[in-house]
Amino acid sequence: MVLKKVLTWLKLPEASKMNLDDSENIYVIREIIRRKPFLQKTYKYFYLELLDKSKTAPANGYVIELGSGASFIKRFASYIVTSDVIPYSGVDKVFSALDIPFKDDSVSAFLMIDVLHHVKDSRQFFKEMQRCLKVGGKIVMIEPANTFWSKLIYTKFHHEPFEPNGGWGFEEGGPLTGANMAIPWIVFRRDAQVFKREFSQLRICSIRIHTPLRYLLSGGLSLRQLLPSWSYVVVQFIELVLSPLNQYLGMFMTIELEKV
């Protein structure tokens, strides 16, 4: 009862009214991010990791961010082509990730944060990216992890489903409200051998589990920031100390693939 009251108090009033499948809500989301320095710094950390892991991709193709929404990745790499399935002001391209409007062998890298677990057909998703990528091209994504800590948070305190026994997709829900947060773990951990067999051109370069505290303490897009902004560096240091335990505590994982 007490926890429920605390969570109700922490809930951002504007977040409780949002329908994520409504394109008008992008302005609300952008304003939430603008007001929360802790969240901005967390996203910056994510963006810089995506860019770092994609820097070895071929230099003469498109670099596409999928599911951009309120992204500000262009502050750090102006050449990025932003995209989403819903039309938003400031997003370069609008298309479904299941039907990507780029030619074969034309893309150097696909970058994304929290996109795969919203895709209703992961197999078609990877087929399309595999088709578009140049040899040596990268897919780099940051997605929910499945650890002791993350599973507790995602199943008890998050509005999106987290179903590790599910398949590679789902049927219900809209473009952004439909989800299974466990899909990245399902594809790259539980069914890793299936992925390697079905997508032999997409080599798994690395999977890194990380960030047990930062996003949670930022309040994300739905809760108030839980700590003062100056404490970000303190939390960053605590995460560094805890990093040997990330396989148990990490809330996110960075997955790096390369077309061979």
Protein backbone atom coordinates (compact mmCIF):
# COMPACT_ATOMS: atom_id res chain seq x y z
CA MET A 1 0.00 0.00 0.00
CA VAL A 2 2.79 2.45 0.97
CA LEU A 3 4.81 1.55 -2.13
CA LYS A 4 1.77 2.09 -4.34
CA LYS A 5 1.23 5.56 -2.83
CA VAL A 6 4.90 6.43 -3.32
CA LEU A 7 4.79 5.35 -6.98
CA THR A 8 1.60 7.34 -7.51
CA TRP A 9 3.30 10.44 -6.09
CA LEU A 10 6.40 9.87 -8.24
CA LYS A 11 4.38 9.53 -11.45
CA LEU A 12 4.71 12.53 -13.75
CA PRO A 13 1.19 13.93 -14.32
CA GLU A 14 1.77 14.40 -18.05
CA ALA A 15 3.13 10.86 -18.44
CA SER A 16 -0.01 9.25 -17.00
CA LYS A 17 -2.10 10.92 -19.72
CA MET A 18 0.06 9.91 -22.68
CA ASN A 19 -0.91 7.51 -25.44
CA LEU A 20 2.48 6.56 -26.85
CA ASP A 21 0.99 5.70 -30.25
CA ASP A 22 -0.18 9.32 -30.66
CA SER A 23 2.40 11.36 -32.58
CA GLU A 24 1.46 14.52 -30.64
CA ASN A 25 2.98 13.07 -27.48
CA ILE A 26 6.49 13.50 -28.85
CA TYR A 27 6.41 17.10 -27.62
CA VAL A 28 5.56 15.94 -24.11
CA ILE A 29 8.37 13.38 -24.16
CA ARG A 30 10.88 15.93 -25.42
CA GLU A 31 9.89 18.32 -22.66
CA ILE A 32 10.28 15.59 -20.00
CA ILE A 33 13.80 14.84 -21.26
CA ARG A 34 14.66 18.56 -21.40
CA ARG A 35 13.66 19.02 -17.73
CA LYS A 36 15.64 16.02 -16.46
CA PRO A 37 19.44 16.43 -16.70
CA PHE A 38 19.97 12.99 -15.15
CA LEU A 39 17.98 11.38 -17.98
CA GLN A 40 19.72 13.50 -20.63
CA LYS A 41 23.13 12.35 -19.40
CA THR A 42 21.99 8.73 -19.38
CA TYR A 43 20.82 8.98 -22.99
CA LYS A 44 24.06 10.72 -23.94
CA TYR A 45 25.95 7.77 -22.44
CA PHE A 46 23.82 5.41 -24.56
CA TYR A 47 24.27 7.44 -27.76
CA LEU A 48 28.04 7.62 -27.37
CA GLU A 49 28.23 3.86 -26.94
CA LEU A 50 26.18 3.31 -30.12
CA LEU A 51 28.45 5.67 -32.05
CA ASP A 52 31.63 4.15 -30.64
CA LYS A 53 30.66 0.62 -31.64
CA SER A 54 29.58 1.71 -35.11
CA LYS A 55 32.72 3.69 -35.95
CA THR A 56 34.37 0.69 -37.67
CA ALA A 57 31.43 0.31 -40.10
CA PRO A 58 31.96 1.19 -43.79
CA ALA A 59 32.17 4.94 -44.28
CA ASN A 60 30.25 5.29 -47.54
CA GLY A 61 26.72 4.30 -46.54
CA TYR A 62 23.79 5.62 -44.54
CA VAL A 63 23.82 5.48 -40.75
CA ILE A 64 20.22 5.03 -39.66
CA GLU A 65 18.76 5.45 -36.20
CA LEU A 66 15.61 3.35 -35.93
CA GLY A 67 12.82 4.37 -33.56
CA SER A 68 14.27 7.84 -33.01
CA GLY A 69 11.23 9.51 -31.44
CA ALA A 70 12.61 12.16 -29.05
CA SER A 71 16.22 11.24 -29.79
CA PHE A 72 18.91 13.92 -29.71
CA ILE A 73 21.69 11.73 -31.16
CA LYS A 74 22.26 14.31 -33.92
CA ARG A 75 23.89 16.58 -31.36
CA PHE A 76 26.78 14.12 -31.38
CA ALA A 77 26.64 12.91 -35.01
CA SER A 78 24.83 15.23 -37.44
CA TYR A 79 25.10 12.70 -40.30
CA ILE A 80 22.65 10.28 -38.65
CA VAL A 81 19.38 9.69 -40.53
CA THR A 82 16.67 9.56 -37.86
CA SER A 83 13.53 7.49 -38.40
CA ASP A 84 10.38 6.18 -36.77
CA VAL A 85 7.20 4.29 -37.60
CA ILE A 86 5.09 7.31 -36.55
CA PRO A 87 5.55 10.77 -38.11
CA TYR A 88 7.17 13.21 -35.70
CA SER A 89 8.42 16.72 -36.21
CA GLY A 90 12.21 16.55 -36.62
CA VAL A 91 12.39 12.88 -37.68
CA ASP A 92 13.97 12.46 -41.14
CA LYS A 93 12.23 9.30 -42.37
CA VAL A 94 8.96 7.55 -41.51
CA PHE A 95 8.73 3.82 -42.23
CA SER A 96 8.14 0.42 -40.67
CA ALA A 97 11.28 -1.46 -39.67
CA LEU A 98 9.65 -4.51 -41.29
CA ASP A 99 9.80 -2.78 -44.69
CA ILE A 100 12.90 -0.56 -44.76
CA PRO A 101 12.95 1.76 -47.81
CA PHE A 102 16.69 1.56 -48.52
CA LYS A 103 18.44 -0.33 -51.31
CA ASP A 104 20.41 -3.53 -50.79
CA ASP A 105 23.95 -2.95 -49.48
CA SER A 106 23.37 0.79 -48.92
CA VAL A 107 23.48 1.15 -45.12
CA SER A 108 26.64 1.31 -43.02
CA ALA A 109 24.93 0.98 -39.64
CA PHE A 110 21.60 0.69 -37.89
CA LEU A 111 21.52 2.17 -34.38
CA MET A 112 18.66 1.93 -31.90
CA ILE A 113 17.65 2.20 -28.25
CA ASP A 114 14.68 0.18 -26.95
CA VAL A 115 13.39 -0.72 -30.41
CA LEU A 116 13.71 -4.50 -30.87
CA HIS A 117 11.35 -5.31 -28.01
CA HIS A 118 8.63 -3.24 -29.75
CA VAL A 119 8.98 -5.07 -33.09
CA LYS A 120 6.18 -7.55 -33.74
CA ASP A 121 8.20 -9.78 -36.10
CA SER A 122 11.89 -9.98 -35.17
CA ARG A 123 12.74 -12.33 -38.03
CA GLN A 124 11.44 -9.95 -40.68
CA PHE A 125 13.19 -7.11 -38.86
CA PHE A 126 16.59 -8.80 -39.09
CA LYS A 127 15.97 -9.91 -42.68
CA GLU A 128 15.40 -6.29 -43.68
CA MET A 129 18.46 -4.98 -41.87
CA GLN A 130 20.60 -7.80 -43.24
CA ARG A 131 19.43 -6.95 -46.78
CA CYS A 132 20.19 -3.24 -46.42
CA LEU A 133 23.56 -3.50 -44.71
CA LYS A 134 26.87 -3.32 -46.51
CA VAL A 135 29.40 -6.06 -45.76
CA GLY A 136 31.10 -4.92 -42.58
CA GLY A 137 28.02 -2.90 -41.65
CA LYS A 138 26.89 -2.81 -38.02
CA ILE A 139 23.69 -3.19 -36.06
CA VAL A 140 24.12 -1.73 -32.59
CA MET A 141 21.23 -1.72 -30.15
CA ILE A 142 20.65 -1.04 -26.47
CA GLU A 143 17.80 -3.12 -25.07
CA PRO A 144 16.46 -4.43 -21.73
CA ALA A 145 18.58 -7.14 -20.13
CA ASN A 146 17.29 -10.18 -18.26
CA THR A 147 19.10 -10.26 -14.92
CA PHE A 148 17.96 -10.86 -11.36
CA TRP A 149 17.62 -7.10 -10.77
CA SER A 150 16.17 -6.10 -14.14
CA LYS A 151 13.58 -8.87 -14.10
CA LEU A 152 12.39 -7.71 -10.68
CA ILE A 153 12.07 -4.10 -11.86
CA TYR A 154 10.53 -4.86 -15.24
CA THR A 155 7.95 -7.34 -13.97
CA LYS A 156 6.93 -5.44 -10.82
CA PHE A 157 7.26 -1.77 -11.73
CA HIS A 158 7.15 -1.39 -15.52
CA HIS A 159 4.05 -1.05 -17.67
CA GLU A 160 5.40 -3.13 -20.59
CA PRO A 161 5.22 -6.95 -20.56
CA PHE A 162 8.37 -8.91 -19.73
CA GLU A 163 7.81 -12.51 -20.84
CA PRO A 164 11.00 -14.63 -21.14
CA ASN A 165 8.95 -17.65 -22.27
CA GLY A 166 7.59 -15.77 -25.27
CA GLY A 167 8.55 -15.99 -28.92
CA TRP A 168 10.34 -13.68 -31.31
CA GLY A 169 7.34 -11.40 -31.66
CA PHE A 170 3.81 -10.65 -30.49
CA GLU A 171 0.47 -9.65 -31.97
CA GLU A 172 -1.25 -7.21 -29.63
CA GLY A 173 -0.63 -3.51 -29.17
CA GLY A 174 0.15 -0.48 -31.30
CA PRO A 175 3.47 0.56 -32.89
CA LEU A 176 4.87 1.78 -29.56
CA THR A 177 2.54 0.32 -26.95
CA GLY A 178 2.96 -3.25 -28.17
CA ALA A 179 6.02 -4.88 -26.57
CA ASN A 180 7.75 -7.79 -24.90
CA MET A 181 10.80 -6.45 -23.09
CA ALA A 182 12.34 -9.93 -22.95
CA ILE A 183 12.62 -10.34 -26.76
CA PRO A 184 16.29 -9.20 -26.95
CA TRP A 185 17.23 -11.77 -24.31
CA ILE A 186 15.10 -14.41 -26.06
CA VAL A 187 16.80 -13.82 -29.42
CA PHE A 188 20.41 -13.36 -28.30
CA ARG A 189 20.61 -15.53 -25.19
CA ARG A 190 17.89 -18.16 -25.03
CA ASP A 191 17.75 -18.71 -28.80
CA ALA A 192 21.28 -17.59 -29.72
CA GLN A 193 21.98 -20.75 -31.72
CA VAL A 194 18.75 -20.30 -33.66
CA PHE A 195 19.73 -16.72 -34.50
CA LYS A 196 23.20 -17.81 -35.66
CA ARG A 197 21.67 -20.51 -37.86
CA GLU A 198 18.96 -18.33 -39.42
CA PHE A 199 21.07 -15.18 -39.80
CA SER A 200 24.50 -16.50 -40.59
CA GLN A 201 25.46 -13.20 -42.25
CA LEU A 202 24.93 -11.32 -38.99
CA ARG A 203 27.79 -12.14 -36.68
CA ILE A 204 27.30 -11.43 -32.97
CA CYS A 205 30.35 -9.33 -32.09
CA SER A 206 29.58 -8.52 -28.48
CA ILE A 207 26.86 -8.39 -25.84
CA ARG A 208 27.53 -6.16 -22.84
CA ILE A 209 25.21 -5.98 -19.82
CA HIS A 210 25.33 -2.67 -17.98
CA THR A 211 23.62 0.30 -16.28
CA PRO A 212 21.92 -1.12 -13.16
CA LEU A 213 21.02 2.25 -11.62
CA ARG A 214 21.30 5.31 -13.87
CA TYR A 215 18.13 5.03 -15.92
CA LEU A 216 16.09 3.87 -12.94
CA LEU A 217 17.21 6.81 -10.78
CA SER A 218 16.55 9.25 -13.61
CA GLY A 219 12.88 8.29 -13.38
CA GLY A 220 12.82 7.53 -17.09
CA LEU A 221 9.95 9.04 -19.06
CA SER A 222 7.22 8.38 -16.52
CA LEU A 223 8.55 9.17 -13.00
CA ARG A 224 10.14 12.15 -11.30
CA GLN A 225 13.93 12.26 -11.14
CA LEU A 226 14.84 10.43 -7.94
CA LEU A 227 18.17 12.11 -7.18
CA PRO A 228 19.59 15.63 -7.66
CA SER A 229 21.34 16.13 -11.00
CA TRP A 230 24.77 16.67 -9.40
CA SER A 231 24.72 13.08 -8.11
CA TYR A 232 24.97 11.62 -11.64
CA VAL A 233 28.75 11.28 -11.41
CA VAL A 234 28.39 9.57 -8.01
CA VAL A 235 25.95 7.03 -9.46
CA GLN A 236 28.27 6.57 -12.43
CA PHE A 237 31.11 5.72 -10.03
CA ILE A 238 28.91 3.31 -8.05
CA GLU A 239 27.99 1.54 -11.29
CA LEU A 240 31.68 1.24 -12.14
CA VAL A 241 32.34 -0.40 -8.77
CA LEU A 242 29.37 -2.74 -9.29
CA SER A 243 30.30 -3.62 -12.90
CA PRO A 244 31.69 -7.09 -12.04
CA LEU A 245 28.13 -7.93 -10.95
CA ASN A 246 26.41 -6.60 -14.08
CA GLN A 247 25.33 -10.10 -15.13
CA TYR A 248 23.09 -10.06 -12.03
CA LEU A 249 22.32 -6.34 -11.73
CA GLY A 250 22.45 -4.73 -15.20
CA MET A 251 19.17 -3.39 -16.58
CA PHE A 252 20.33 -2.95 -20.18
CA MET A 253 22.48 -4.74 -22.69
CA THR A 254 24.31 -3.44 -25.74
CA ILE A 255 24.22 -5.87 -28.66
CA GLU A 256 26.67 -5.41 -31.54
CA LEU A 257 26.22 -7.30 -34.82
CA GLU A 258 28.25 -7.17 -38.03
CA LYS A 259 27.31 -8.29 -41.54
CA VAL A 260 29.93 -10.72 -42.85
